[in-house]
Amino acid sequence: MGVTTLGGTAIFHGFIFGIATAVGNLNGSSTELKVYPNPAKDYLIIEHPAANKPAYIKCIDAFGRMVEIVSVKRDDTKTQVNIGSLSAGVYQIIWSDGKTLLTKTALIIR
């Protein structure tokens, strides 16, 4: 796979791809999950469904590594996640109560 942009090309594990000049839909795929501010620097506010049992929020980096996990209390619908220690980049934000899994994409800037 190869993509060439004005910014040049890069190689990662046998793939050639252009330097990212933009990020796709930062609102992701779930309408039940809201993540803001986006882009963010120090924290994210995540609005999610109320769970009738404990749930969690995970932050997954571009390499697929879980870099943050936050427990969500029963019946909460809004959670603040401190992202001050995370590197700049694109992250998948995942909310799950063990039955339902919702995702959004967030951009962290420094």
Protein backbone atom coordinates (compact mmCIF):
# COMPACT_ATOMS: atom_id res chain seq x y z
CA MET A 1 0.00 0.00 0.00
CA GLY A 2 1.46 3.38 -0.90
CA VAL A 3 0.32 6.95 -0.52
CA THR A 4 2.34 9.97 -1.46
CA THR A 5 1.42 13.44 -0.23
CA LEU A 6 3.04 16.83 -0.42
CA GLY A 7 4.45 16.06 3.02
CA GLY A 8 6.32 12.99 1.74
CA THR A 9 6.05 9.33 2.59
CA ALA A 10 6.88 7.08 5.52
CA ILE A 11 7.34 3.33 5.96
CA PHE A 12 5.93 1.28 8.84
CA HIS A 13 6.19 -2.51 8.88
CA GLY A 14 6.29 -2.81 5.12
CA PHE A 15 3.55 -0.27 4.42
CA ILE A 16 4.20 3.07 2.79
CA PHE A 17 1.88 5.87 3.80
CA GLY A 18 1.79 9.63 3.57
CA ILE A 19 2.26 11.95 6.49
CA ALA A 20 -1.12 12.66 8.05
CA THR A 21 -2.33 16.16 7.27
CA ALA A 22 -5.78 15.73 8.79
CA VAL A 23 -7.81 13.40 10.92
CA GLY A 24 -11.11 11.98 9.75
CA ASN A 25 -14.36 12.36 11.60
CA LEU A 26 -13.30 13.20 15.16
CA ASN A 27 -16.82 12.48 16.32
CA GLY A 28 -16.31 8.78 15.61
CA SER A 29 -19.09 6.27 15.21
CA SER A 30 -21.24 6.33 18.36
CA THR A 31 -24.10 8.79 18.69
CA GLU A 32 -24.61 7.77 22.34
CA LEU A 33 -21.07 8.81 23.24
CA LYS A 34 -19.91 12.45 23.26
CA VAL A 35 -16.28 13.43 23.78
CA TYR A 36 -15.18 17.03 24.24
CA PRO A 37 -13.23 19.23 24.01
CA ASN A 38 -11.88 17.72 20.83
CA PRO A 39 -9.02 18.41 20.25
CA ALA A 40 -8.04 18.40 23.94
CA LYS A 41 -4.97 19.21 26.06
CA ASP A 42 -5.48 18.34 29.72
CA TYR A 43 -8.78 16.51 30.09
CA LEU A 44 -11.66 14.96 28.18
CA ILE A 45 -15.29 15.05 29.21
CA ILE A 46 -17.10 11.91 28.11
CA GLU A 47 -20.90 11.84 28.11
CA HIS A 48 -22.16 8.27 28.02
CA PRO A 49 -25.22 6.19 28.84
CA ALA A 50 -25.97 5.43 32.49
CA ALA A 51 -24.94 1.87 33.28
CA ASN A 52 -26.85 -0.31 35.71
CA LYS A 53 -23.50 -1.85 36.67
CA PRO A 54 -19.92 -0.54 36.81
CA ALA A 55 -18.46 0.45 33.45
CA TYR A 56 -15.10 1.71 32.19
CA ILE A 57 -13.55 4.15 29.74
CA LYS A 58 -10.36 3.19 27.93
CA CYS A 59 -8.00 5.38 25.90
CA ILE A 60 -6.26 3.45 23.12
CA ASP A 61 -3.33 5.01 21.26
CA ALA A 62 -2.56 4.75 17.53
CA PHE A 63 -0.50 1.60 18.16
CA GLY A 64 -3.41 -0.18 19.86
CA ARG A 65 -2.01 0.16 23.37
CA MET A 66 -4.36 0.88 26.26
CA VAL A 67 -2.79 3.97 27.82
CA GLU A 68 -5.54 4.97 30.25
CA ILE A 69 -8.47 3.24 31.93
CA VAL A 70 -11.03 4.93 34.18
CA SER A 71 -13.77 3.23 36.16
CA VAL A 72 -17.26 4.66 35.68
CA LYS A 73 -19.63 4.49 38.62
CA ARG A 74 -23.09 3.02 38.31
CA ASP A 75 -25.69 5.49 36.98
CA ASP A 76 -23.09 8.18 36.06
CA THR A 77 -23.63 9.77 32.63
CA LYS A 78 -20.60 12.07 32.49
CA THR A 79 -16.95 11.31 33.29
CA GLN A 80 -13.87 13.51 33.20
CA VAL A 81 -10.63 11.80 32.14
CA ASN A 82 -7.26 13.40 32.88
CA ILE A 83 -5.11 13.16 29.73
CA GLY A 84 -2.31 15.50 30.82
CA SER A 85 0.24 12.67 30.84
CA LEU A 86 -0.63 11.34 27.36
CA SER A 87 1.41 12.21 24.28
CA ALA A 88 -0.08 14.21 21.44
CA GLY A 89 -1.89 12.02 18.93
CA VAL A 90 -5.10 10.34 17.89
CA TYR A 91 -6.80 8.10 20.45
CA GLN A 92 -9.81 5.80 20.44
CA ILE A 93 -12.05 6.45 23.44
CA ILE A 94 -14.00 3.33 24.40
CA TRP A 95 -16.86 3.16 26.88
CA SER A 96 -18.20 -0.23 27.90
CA ASP A 97 -20.45 -1.67 30.57
CA GLY A 98 -19.53 -5.23 29.62
CA LYS A 99 -22.53 -5.56 27.32
CA THR A 100 -22.41 -2.42 25.16
CA LEU A 101 -19.26 -0.97 23.59
CA LEU A 102 -19.21 2.62 22.28
CA THR A 103 -16.28 4.37 20.62
CA LYS A 104 -15.19 7.85 19.58
CA THR A 105 -11.96 9.30 18.26
CA ALA A 106 -10.19 12.11 20.11
CA LEU A 107 -7.20 14.23 19.19
CA ILE A 108 -4.79 15.19 21.97
CA ILE A 109 -2.60 18.22 21.29
CA ARG A 110 0.32 19.70 23.23
